[in-house]
Amino acid sequence: MMFTNNLNHKQNIATSLVKEIVESINSVKPFGSVEIYIQNGEVTQITMRKIRKTNGITKAKKAK
């Protein structure tokens, strides 16, 4: 796969890296985020954060 940035430089991106990023995105569904860390032009870390939404759970009422 080829990637073209705004400077019109082309880089080869390993198919395995693209697959790993796609798998990361799919793993945080339906809610979450994926952070991709880059150092010296190379991906060094992929962090996934999955979010579990509540269904309108309210605070317990205080006993009188």
C-alpha atoms as a PDB file:
ATOM      1  CA  MET A   1       0.000   0.000   0.000  1.00  0.00           C
ATOM      2  CA  MET A   2       1.282   3.458  -0.814  1.00  0.00           C
ATOM      3  CA  PHE A   3       0.789   6.568   1.302  1.00  0.00           C
ATOM      4  CA  THR A   4       1.153  10.058  -0.133  1.00  0.00           C
ATOM      5  CA  ASN A   5       1.520  12.945   2.286  1.00  0.00           C
ATOM      6  CA  ASN A   6       0.997  16.607   1.454  1.00  0.00           C
ATOM      7  CA  LEU A   7       4.637  16.945   0.363  1.00  0.00           C
ATOM      8  CA  ASN A   8       4.036  14.358  -2.387  1.00  0.00           C
ATOM      9  CA  HIS A   9       6.566  11.953  -0.874  1.00  0.00           C
ATOM     10  CA  LYS A  10       5.613   8.305  -1.184  1.00  0.00           C
ATOM     11  CA  GLN A  11       6.233   5.723   1.523  1.00  0.00           C
ATOM     12  CA  ASN A  12       5.688   2.007   1.516  1.00  0.00           C
ATOM     13  CA  ILE A  13       3.518   0.901   4.413  1.00  0.00           C
ATOM     14  CA  ALA A  14       3.760  -2.761   5.340  1.00  0.00           C
ATOM     15  CA  THR A  15       0.539  -4.651   4.717  1.00  0.00           C
ATOM     16  CA  SER A  16       0.934  -6.209   8.171  1.00  0.00           C
ATOM     17  CA  LEU A  17       0.938  -2.738   9.791  1.00  0.00           C
ATOM     18  CA  VAL A  18      -2.208  -1.717   7.911  1.00  0.00           C
ATOM     19  CA  LYS A  19      -3.846  -4.990   8.984  1.00  0.00           C
ATOM     20  CA  GLU A  20      -2.858  -4.353  12.620  1.00  0.00           C
ATOM     21  CA  ILE A  21      -4.310  -0.832  12.537  1.00  0.00           C
ATOM     22  CA  VAL A  22      -7.576  -2.061  10.994  1.00  0.00           C
ATOM     23  CA  GLU A  23      -7.823  -4.848  13.604  1.00  0.00           C
ATOM     24  CA  SER A  24      -7.235  -2.262  16.343  1.00  0.00           C
ATOM     25  CA  ILE A  25     -10.026  -0.066  14.996  1.00  0.00           C
ATOM     26  CA  ASN A  26     -12.397  -3.021  14.775  1.00  0.00           C
ATOM     27  CA  SER A  27     -11.582  -4.102  18.339  1.00  0.00           C
ATOM     28  CA  VAL A  28     -12.818  -0.857  19.914  1.00  0.00           C
ATOM     29  CA  LYS A  29     -16.271  -0.948  18.316  1.00  0.00           C
ATOM     30  CA  PRO A  30     -18.850   0.330  18.992  1.00  0.00           C
ATOM     31  CA  PHE A  31     -17.107   3.064  21.036  1.00  0.00           C
ATOM     32  CA  GLY A  32     -13.442   3.780  21.609  1.00  0.00           C
ATOM     33  CA  SER A  33     -10.281   5.262  20.209  1.00  0.00           C
ATOM     34  CA  VAL A  34      -7.039   4.167  18.609  1.00  0.00           C
ATOM     35  CA  GLU A  35      -3.838   6.173  19.050  1.00  0.00           C
ATOM     36  CA  ILE A  36      -0.940   5.614  16.685  1.00  0.00           C
ATOM     37  CA  TYR A  37       2.453   6.766  17.957  1.00  0.00           C
ATOM     38  CA  ILE A  38       5.147   7.658  15.460  1.00  0.00           C
ATOM     39  CA  GLN A  39       8.846   8.142  16.159  1.00  0.00           C
ATOM     40  CA  ASN A  40      11.337   9.096  13.474  1.00  0.00           C
ATOM     41  CA  GLY A  41       8.729   8.429  10.791  1.00  0.00           C
ATOM     42  CA  GLU A  42       7.902   4.900  11.989  1.00  0.00           C
ATOM     43  CA  VAL A  43       4.923   3.576  13.915  1.00  0.00           C
ATOM     44  CA  THR A  44       6.213   2.529  17.328  1.00  0.00           C
ATOM     45  CA  GLN A  45       3.009   1.944  19.276  1.00  0.00           C
ATOM     46  CA  ILE A  46      -0.713   1.422  18.808  1.00  0.00           C
ATOM     47  CA  THR A  47      -2.881   2.105  21.850  1.00  0.00           C
ATOM     48  CA  MET A  48      -6.517   1.017  21.934  1.00  0.00           C
ATOM     49  CA  ARG A  49      -9.084   2.381  24.343  1.00  0.00           C
ATOM     50  CA  LYS A  50     -12.479   0.698  24.438  1.00  0.00           C
ATOM     51  CA  ILE A  51     -15.382   2.630  25.956  1.00  0.00           C
ATOM     52  CA  ARG A  52     -18.390   0.974  27.522  1.00  0.00           C
ATOM     53  CA  LYS A  53     -21.384   3.293  27.631  1.00  0.00           C
ATOM     54  CA  THR A  54     -23.908   3.077  30.446  1.00  0.00           C
ATOM     55  CA  ASN A  55     -27.617   2.808  29.749  1.00  0.00           C
ATOM     56  CA  GLY A  56     -28.814   5.750  31.803  1.00  0.00           C
ATOM     57  CA  ILE A  57     -27.766   4.305  35.147  1.00  0.00           C
ATOM     58  CA  THR A  58     -28.578   6.866  37.851  1.00  0.00           C
ATOM     59  CA  LYS A  59     -27.042   7.394  41.256  1.00  0.00           C
ATOM     60  CA  ALA A  60     -28.588   5.419  44.083  1.00  0.00           C
ATOM     61  CA  LYS A  61     -31.061   7.439  46.125  1.00  0.00           C
ATOM     62  CA  LYS A  62     -29.883   8.345  49.609  1.00  0.00           C
ATOM     63  CA  ALA A  63     -31.718   6.619  52.458  1.00  0.00           C
ATOM     64  CA  LYS A  64     -33.739   8.991  54.654  1.00  0.00           C
END
